[in-house]
Amino acid sequence: MKKYLWITILVFLSACKQSKPKADFPLAMGNQWTYAAHIKYHDRVTDSLIEKDLEWIMEVTEVIPHGSTQAVIVKGFPTDLVWYEGKAERANYLLLVDSNKIYLSNLAPEDSLNIRVRDSKDSLTNIKTGYNLMFDFPLVKGKTWGADPEMPQRSDSMYAWVVQNTASTNLAAAVKYNTNPDHSIFEFQPGVGITGYQFEHHGTVMELTMKLKSKRLQ
């Protein structure tokens, strides 16, 4: 009887472990994503509308263990091309992977922050907040996060990330953040990562569309 009881317990624990949600974003050192980007913007110098196509690379340049959290330095996050004005440099961004959540730091991953992510005693609580939450897995239709805590609660789906459709192994989820002046949409496919990004300003002409062209994953 005891033998069967232990088998039942082990099967249950195994099932719990397998069903535990995770951040299915392949962020191994050296992983690289290449995007085809189309940009439309108003050039202030010539007072003209300009459209441009270019190739954009996002890559993982460093992975830093931090207790149960993983700190990942990414170079060339898609948002670098927002408000493009003829040239853009790939900046460094810090992603914190904590179980099924990924936080995007709004701080440059240099100097004091670079020291902090290497200090296992630092909880990084000021970075792992709802406002910094980039993805909350699994991505299922209607899921919402990241509303600004300083704003009054809203009955609509604006000023927060909202999953437009459920992700699967063959279909990317669209995750949208909509405000009065602009909106952003990330397309994310489990096991692949960000497969597309869109940004559009509702006043000044600034439109950005990025689609995954190729990937190199470890």
C-alpha atoms as a PDB file:
ATOM      1  CA  MET A   1       0.000   0.000   0.000  1.00  0.00           C
ATOM      2  CA  LYS A   2       2.816   2.403   0.940  1.00  0.00           C
ATOM      3  CA  LYS A   3       4.560   1.611  -2.325  1.00  0.00           C
ATOM      4  CA  TYR A   4       1.520   2.654  -4.371  1.00  0.00           C
ATOM      5  CA  LEU A   5       1.091   5.762  -2.223  1.00  0.00           C
ATOM      6  CA  TRP A   6       4.652   6.892  -2.961  1.00  0.00           C
ATOM      7  CA  ILE A   7       4.179   6.223  -6.679  1.00  0.00           C
ATOM      8  CA  THR A   8       1.031   8.380  -6.640  1.00  0.00           C
ATOM      9  CA  ILE A   9       2.854  11.193  -4.836  1.00  0.00           C
ATOM     10  CA  LEU A  10       5.790  11.074  -7.270  1.00  0.00           C
ATOM     11  CA  VAL A  11       3.489  11.160 -10.291  1.00  0.00           C
ATOM     12  CA  PHE A  12       1.625  14.139  -8.802  1.00  0.00           C
ATOM     13  CA  LEU A  13       4.842  16.044  -8.075  1.00  0.00           C
ATOM     14  CA  SER A  14       6.138  15.288 -11.549  1.00  0.00           C
ATOM     15  CA  ALA A  15       2.928  16.585 -13.111  1.00  0.00           C
ATOM     16  CA  CYS A  16       3.124  19.777 -11.040  1.00  0.00           C
ATOM     17  CA  LYS A  17       6.696  20.323 -12.134  1.00  0.00           C
ATOM     18  CA  GLN A  18       5.844  19.817 -15.798  1.00  0.00           C
ATOM     19  CA  SER A  19       2.794  22.092 -15.656  1.00  0.00           C
ATOM     20  CA  LYS A  20       4.622  24.952 -13.949  1.00  0.00           C
ATOM     21  CA  PRO A  21       4.462  27.968 -16.271  1.00  0.00           C
ATOM     22  CA  LYS A  22       7.745  29.288 -17.585  1.00  0.00           C
ATOM     23  CA  ALA A  23       9.049  32.181 -19.636  1.00  0.00           C
ATOM     24  CA  ASP A  24       9.426  30.388 -22.960  1.00  0.00           C
ATOM     25  CA  PHE A  25      11.834  32.964 -24.401  1.00  0.00           C
ATOM     26  CA  PRO A  26      15.156  31.412 -25.592  1.00  0.00           C
ATOM     27  CA  LEU A  27      17.611  33.868 -24.015  1.00  0.00           C
ATOM     28  CA  ALA A  28      20.836  31.849 -24.144  1.00  0.00           C
ATOM     29  CA  MET A  29      24.140  33.627 -24.626  1.00  0.00           C
ATOM     30  CA  GLY A  30      24.747  34.366 -28.321  1.00  0.00           C
ATOM     31  CA  ASN A  31      21.138  33.968 -29.457  1.00  0.00           C
ATOM     32  CA  GLN A  32      20.324  36.361 -32.259  1.00  0.00           C
ATOM     33  CA  TRP A  33      17.203  37.539 -34.086  1.00  0.00           C
ATOM     34  CA  THR A  34      17.280  39.465 -37.379  1.00  0.00           C
ATOM     35  CA  TYR A  35      14.271  41.595 -38.320  1.00  0.00           C
ATOM     36  CA  ALA A  36      13.114  43.318 -41.487  1.00  0.00           C
ATOM     37  CA  ALA A  37      11.996  46.788 -40.407  1.00  0.00           C
ATOM     38  CA  HIS A  38       9.852  49.290 -42.301  1.00  0.00           C
ATOM     39  CA  ILE A  39       9.801  52.834 -40.940  1.00  0.00           C
ATOM     40  CA  LYS A  40       7.688  55.825 -41.891  1.00  0.00           C
ATOM     41  CA  TYR A  41       8.430  59.148 -40.233  1.00  0.00           C
ATOM     42  CA  HIS A  42       8.300  62.898 -40.662  1.00  0.00           C
ATOM     43  CA  ASP A  43      11.685  64.465 -41.286  1.00  0.00           C
ATOM     44  CA  ARG A  44      11.763  67.799 -39.487  1.00  0.00           C
ATOM     45  CA  VAL A  45      14.769  69.142 -41.400  1.00  0.00           C
ATOM     46  CA  THR A  46      13.251  68.713 -44.870  1.00  0.00           C
ATOM     47  CA  ASP A  47       9.612  68.802 -43.659  1.00  0.00           C
ATOM     48  CA  SER A  48       8.896  65.661 -45.697  1.00  0.00           C
ATOM     49  CA  LEU A  49       7.532  62.161 -45.221  1.00  0.00           C
ATOM     50  CA  ILE A  50      10.210  59.477 -45.426  1.00  0.00           C
ATOM     51  CA  GLU A  51       9.882  55.706 -45.644  1.00  0.00           C
ATOM     52  CA  LYS A  52      12.829  53.396 -45.124  1.00  0.00           C
ATOM     53  CA  ASP A  53      13.524  49.661 -44.981  1.00  0.00           C
ATOM     54  CA  LEU A  54      16.411  48.316 -42.949  1.00  0.00           C
ATOM     55  CA  GLU A  55      17.657  45.189 -41.199  1.00  0.00           C
ATOM     56  CA  TRP A  56      17.792  45.131 -37.400  1.00  0.00           C
ATOM     57  CA  ILE A  57      19.571  42.645 -35.128  1.00  0.00           C
ATOM     58  CA  MET A  58      18.716  41.830 -31.530  1.00  0.00           C
ATOM     59  CA  GLU A  59      21.148  39.590 -29.648  1.00  0.00           C
ATOM     60  CA  VAL A  60      21.898  38.257 -26.175  1.00  0.00           C
ATOM     61  CA  THR A  61      25.342  39.501 -25.132  1.00  0.00           C
ATOM     62  CA  GLU A  62      25.450  38.309 -21.509  1.00  0.00           C
ATOM     63  CA  VAL A  63      23.553  36.036 -19.124  1.00  0.00           C
ATOM     64  CA  ILE A  64      24.015  36.612 -15.382  1.00  0.00           C
ATOM     65  CA  PRO A  65      22.559  34.168 -12.803  1.00  0.00           C
ATOM     66  CA  HIS A  66      20.911  36.009  -9.919  1.00  0.00           C
ATOM     67  CA  GLY A  67      19.487  33.510  -7.439  1.00  0.00           C
ATOM     68  CA  SER A  68      16.191  32.235  -8.840  1.00  0.00           C
ATOM     69  CA  THR A  69      16.219  35.123 -11.326  1.00  0.00           C
ATOM     70  CA  GLN A  70      18.262  35.350 -14.515  1.00  0.00           C
ATOM     71  CA  ALA A  71      19.581  38.699 -15.699  1.00  0.00           C
ATOM     72  CA  VAL A  72      20.003  38.904 -19.466  1.00  0.00           C
ATOM     73  CA  ILE A  73      21.704  41.736 -21.350  1.00  0.00           C
ATOM     74  CA  VAL A  74      20.128  42.207 -24.791  1.00  0.00           C
ATOM     75  CA  LYS A  75      21.571  44.506 -27.458  1.00  0.00           C
ATOM     76  CA  GLY A  76      19.198  46.046 -29.989  1.00  0.00           C
ATOM     77  CA  PHE A  77      15.723  45.701 -28.497  1.00  0.00           C
ATOM     78  CA  PRO A  78      13.035  46.542 -31.115  1.00  0.00           C
ATOM     79  CA  THR A  79      12.030  49.746 -29.302  1.00  0.00           C
ATOM     80  CA  ASP A  80      15.393  51.266 -30.341  1.00  0.00           C
ATOM     81  CA  LEU A  81      13.789  52.132 -33.685  1.00  0.00           C
ATOM     82  CA  VAL A  82      10.886  54.106 -32.200  1.00  0.00           C
ATOM     83  CA  TRP A  83      11.294  57.800 -33.116  1.00  0.00           C
ATOM     84  CA  TYR A  84      13.897  56.893 -35.724  1.00  0.00           C
ATOM     85  CA  GLU A  85      15.330  60.013 -37.401  1.00  0.00           C
ATOM     86  CA  GLY A  86      17.721  58.709 -40.025  1.00  0.00           C
ATOM     87  CA  LYS A  87      19.971  56.610 -37.812  1.00  0.00           C
ATOM     88  CA  ALA A  88      19.729  54.387 -34.755  1.00  0.00           C
ATOM     89  CA  GLU A  89      22.217  52.711 -32.449  1.00  0.00           C
ATOM     90  CA  ARG A  90      21.621  49.362 -30.782  1.00  0.00           C
ATOM     91  CA  ALA A  91      21.441  50.057 -27.062  1.00  0.00           C
ATOM     92  CA  ASN A  92      21.817  47.599 -24.188  1.00  0.00           C
ATOM     93  CA  TYR A  93      18.756  46.475 -22.248  1.00  0.00           C
ATOM     94  CA  LEU A  94      18.380  44.383 -19.107  1.00  0.00           C
ATOM     95  CA  LEU A  95      15.769  41.621 -19.043  1.00  0.00           C
ATOM     96  CA  LEU A  96      15.032  39.879 -15.751  1.00  0.00           C
ATOM     97  CA  VAL A  97      13.588  36.383 -16.132  1.00  0.00           C
ATOM     98  CA  ASP A  98      11.771  35.266 -12.985  1.00  0.00           C
ATOM     99  CA  SER A  99       9.779  32.028 -13.334  1.00  0.00           C
ATOM    100  CA  ASN A 100       7.008  32.816 -15.842  1.00  0.00           C
ATOM    101  CA  LYS A 101       7.637  36.570 -15.961  1.00  0.00           C
ATOM    102  CA  ILE A 102      10.061  38.758 -17.901  1.00  0.00           C
ATOM    103  CA  TYR A 103      10.780  42.302 -16.733  1.00  0.00           C
ATOM    104  CA  LEU A 104      12.326  44.972 -18.948  1.00  0.00           C
ATOM    105  CA  SER A 105      14.426  47.401 -16.955  1.00  0.00           C
ATOM    106  CA  ASN A 106      14.074  51.074 -17.750  1.00  0.00           C
ATOM    107  CA  LEU A 107      17.598  51.576 -16.430  1.00  0.00           C
ATOM    108  CA  ALA A 108      20.744  51.248 -18.525  1.00  0.00           C
ATOM    109  CA  PRO A 109      22.557  47.971 -17.689  1.00  0.00           C
ATOM    110  CA  GLU A 110      25.806  49.743 -16.884  1.00  0.00           C
ATOM    111  CA  ASP A 111      27.528  51.130 -13.800  1.00  0.00           C
ATOM    112  CA  SER A 112      25.527  50.623 -10.586  1.00  0.00           C
ATOM    113  CA  LEU A 113      22.881  48.375 -12.172  1.00  0.00           C
ATOM    114  CA  ASN A 114      25.593  46.153 -13.621  1.00  0.00           C
ATOM    115  CA  ILE A 115      26.981  45.766 -10.097  1.00  0.00           C
ATOM    116  CA  ARG A 116      23.545  45.111  -8.618  1.00  0.00           C
ATOM    117  CA  VAL A 117      22.665  42.175 -10.886  1.00  0.00           C
ATOM    118  CA  ARG A 118      25.923  40.511  -9.811  1.00  0.00           C
ATOM    119  CA  ASP A 119      25.028  40.899  -6.137  1.00  0.00           C
ATOM    120  CA  SER A 120      22.885  37.892  -5.201  1.00  0.00           C
ATOM    121  CA  LYS A 121      21.752  39.702  -2.020  1.00  0.00           C
ATOM    122  CA  ASP A 122      20.092  42.469  -4.041  1.00  0.00           C
ATOM    123  CA  SER A 123      16.415  41.567  -4.526  1.00  0.00           C
ATOM    124  CA  LEU A 124      16.035  43.998  -7.478  1.00  0.00           C
ATOM    125  CA  THR A 125      12.489  44.677  -6.266  1.00  0.00           C
ATOM    126  CA  ASN A 126      12.404  48.135  -7.847  1.00  0.00           C
ATOM    127  CA  ILE A 127      12.852  46.488 -11.263  1.00  0.00           C
ATOM    128  CA  LYS A 128      10.535  43.507 -10.791  1.00  0.00           C
ATOM    129  CA  THR A 129       7.369  45.600 -10.665  1.00  0.00           C
ATOM    130  CA  GLY A 130       4.091  45.448 -12.569  1.00  0.00           C
ATOM    131  CA  TYR A 131       5.080  48.583 -14.446  1.00  0.00           C
ATOM    132  CA  ASN A 132       8.265  46.907 -15.732  1.00  0.00           C
ATOM    133  CA  LEU A 133       6.567  43.602 -16.557  1.00  0.00           C
ATOM    134  CA  MET A 134       7.112  42.902 -20.263  1.00  0.00           C
ATOM    135  CA  PHE A 135       5.677  39.398 -20.635  1.00  0.00           C
ATOM    136  CA  ASP A 136       3.572  37.289 -18.261  1.00  0.00           C
ATOM    137  CA  PHE A 137       3.382  33.689 -19.474  1.00  0.00           C
ATOM    138  CA  PRO A 138       1.445  31.787 -20.617  1.00  0.00           C
ATOM    139  CA  LEU A 139       0.133  34.250 -23.185  1.00  0.00           C
ATOM    140  CA  VAL A 140      -3.612  33.597 -23.336  1.00  0.00           C
ATOM    141  CA  LYS A 141      -6.286  35.805 -24.876  1.00  0.00           C
ATOM    142  CA  GLY A 142      -7.559  38.517 -22.551  1.00  0.00           C
ATOM    143  CA  LYS A 143      -4.683  38.381 -20.070  1.00  0.00           C
ATOM    144  CA  THR A 144      -3.729  41.866 -18.834  1.00  0.00           C
ATOM    145  CA  TRP A 145      -0.820  43.332 -16.871  1.00  0.00           C
ATOM    146  CA  GLY A 146       1.343  46.418 -16.448  1.00  0.00           C
ATOM    147  CA  ALA A 147      -1.256  49.128 -15.822  1.00  0.00           C
ATOM    148  CA  ASP A 148       0.272  52.283 -14.341  1.00  0.00           C
ATOM    149  CA  PRO A 149      -0.467  52.083 -10.589  1.00  0.00           C
ATOM    150  CA  GLU A 150      -0.544  55.901 -10.376  1.00  0.00           C
ATOM    151  CA  MET A 151      -3.458  56.130 -12.815  1.00  0.00           C
ATOM    152  CA  PRO A 152      -7.115  55.560 -11.861  1.00  0.00           C
ATOM    153  CA  GLN A 153      -8.478  52.100 -12.642  1.00  0.00           C
ATOM    154  CA  ARG A 154      -9.999  51.872 -16.104  1.00  0.00           C
ATOM    155  CA  SER A 155     -12.899  49.815 -17.406  1.00  0.00           C
ATOM    156  CA  ASP A 156     -11.367  49.630 -20.916  1.00  0.00           C
ATOM    157  CA  SER A 157      -8.187  47.890 -22.053  1.00  0.00           C
ATOM    158  CA  MET A 158      -6.047  51.007 -22.494  1.00  0.00           C
ATOM    159  CA  TYR A 159      -2.810  51.840 -20.683  1.00  0.00           C
ATOM    160  CA  ALA A 160      -1.976  48.193 -19.974  1.00  0.00           C
ATOM    161  CA  TRP A 161      -0.595  45.213 -21.873  1.00  0.00           C
ATOM    162  CA  VAL A 162      -3.403  43.039 -23.245  1.00  0.00           C
ATOM    163  CA  VAL A 163      -2.977  39.667 -24.991  1.00  0.00           C
ATOM    164  CA  GLN A 164      -5.026  39.743 -28.196  1.00  0.00           C
ATOM    165  CA  ASN A 165      -4.858  36.017 -28.970  1.00  0.00           C
ATOM    166  CA  THR A 166      -3.537  32.848 -27.342  1.00  0.00           C
ATOM    167  CA  ALA A 167      -0.016  31.758 -28.308  1.00  0.00           C
ATOM    168  CA  SER A 168       0.806  28.248 -29.486  1.00  0.00           C
ATOM    169  CA  THR A 169       3.835  26.445 -30.899  1.00  0.00           C
ATOM    170  CA  ASN A 170       2.731  27.513 -34.397  1.00  0.00           C
ATOM    171  CA  LEU A 171       1.057  30.852 -33.710  1.00  0.00           C
ATOM    172  CA  ALA A 172       2.487  34.011 -32.211  1.00  0.00           C
ATOM    173  CA  ALA A 173       0.465  35.914 -29.634  1.00  0.00           C
ATOM    174  CA  ALA A 174      -0.085  39.627 -30.181  1.00  0.00           C
ATOM    175  CA  VAL A 175       0.398  41.670 -26.993  1.00  0.00           C
ATOM    176  CA  LYS A 176      -0.829  45.264 -27.291  1.00  0.00           C
ATOM    177  CA  TYR A 177      -0.325  48.422 -25.242  1.00  0.00           C
ATOM    178  CA  ASN A 178      -2.749  51.143 -26.308  1.00  0.00           C
ATOM    179  CA  THR A 179      -2.737  54.787 -25.184  1.00  0.00           C
ATOM    180  CA  ASN A 180      -4.324  57.970 -26.510  1.00  0.00           C
ATOM    181  CA  PRO A 181      -1.140  59.185 -28.267  1.00  0.00           C
ATOM    182  CA  ASP A 182       0.210  55.847 -29.551  1.00  0.00           C
ATOM    183  CA  HIS A 183       0.091  52.053 -29.450  1.00  0.00           C
ATOM    184  CA  SER A 184       2.604  49.201 -29.467  1.00  0.00           C
ATOM    185  CA  ILE A 185       2.194  45.528 -30.373  1.00  0.00           C
ATOM    186  CA  PHE A 186       4.682  42.746 -29.674  1.00  0.00           C
ATOM    187  CA  GLU A 187       4.245  39.426 -31.469  1.00  0.00           C
ATOM    188  CA  PHE A 188       5.664  36.541 -29.439  1.00  0.00           C
ATOM    189  CA  GLN A 189       5.956  32.855 -30.334  1.00  0.00           C
ATOM    190  CA  PRO A 190       6.901  30.357 -27.604  1.00  0.00           C
ATOM    191  CA  GLY A 191      10.326  28.827 -28.156  1.00  0.00           C
ATOM    192  CA  VAL A 192      11.209  31.492 -30.731  1.00  0.00           C
ATOM    193  CA  GLY A 193      10.800  34.821 -28.966  1.00  0.00           C
ATOM    194  CA  ILE A 194       9.720  38.166 -30.417  1.00  0.00           C
ATOM    195  CA  THR A 195       8.625  37.557 -34.010  1.00  0.00           C
ATOM    196  CA  GLY A 196       7.295  41.041 -34.708  1.00  0.00           C
ATOM    197  CA  TYR A 197       6.860  44.540 -33.321  1.00  0.00           C
ATOM    198  CA  GLN A 198       4.659  47.479 -34.303  1.00  0.00           C
ATOM    199  CA  PHE A 199       4.567  51.060 -33.080  1.00  0.00           C
ATOM    200  CA  GLU A 200       2.366  53.865 -34.323  1.00  0.00           C
ATOM    201  CA  HIS A 201       1.958  57.398 -33.055  1.00  0.00           C
ATOM    202  CA  HIS A 202      -1.560  58.748 -33.487  1.00  0.00           C
ATOM    203  CA  GLY A 203      -0.450  62.338 -34.095  1.00  0.00           C
ATOM    204  CA  THR A 204       3.038  62.936 -35.481  1.00  0.00           C
ATOM    205  CA  VAL A 205       3.893  60.516 -38.286  1.00  0.00           C
ATOM    206  CA  MET A 206       5.940  57.714 -36.743  1.00  0.00           C
ATOM    207  CA  GLU A 207       5.149  54.177 -37.856  1.00  0.00           C
ATOM    208  CA  LEU A 208       7.344  51.146 -37.310  1.00  0.00           C
ATOM    209  CA  THR A 209       6.734  47.566 -38.409  1.00  0.00           C
ATOM    210  CA  MET A 210       9.254  44.782 -37.727  1.00  0.00           C
ATOM    211  CA  LYS A 211       9.017  41.145 -38.797  1.00  0.00           C
ATOM    212  CA  LEU A 212      11.378  38.320 -37.882  1.00  0.00           C
ATOM    213  CA  LYS A 213      13.538  37.471 -40.888  1.00  0.00           C
ATOM    214  CA  SER A 214      15.876  34.845 -39.422  1.00  0.00           C
ATOM    215  CA  LYS A 215      17.091  33.566 -36.064  1.00  0.00           C
ATOM    216  CA  ARG A 216      20.130  31.862 -34.591  1.00  0.00           C
ATOM    217  CA  LEU A 217      19.306  30.024 -31.376  1.00  0.00           C
ATOM    218  CA  GLN A 218      21.490  27.837 -29.182  1.00  0.00           C
END
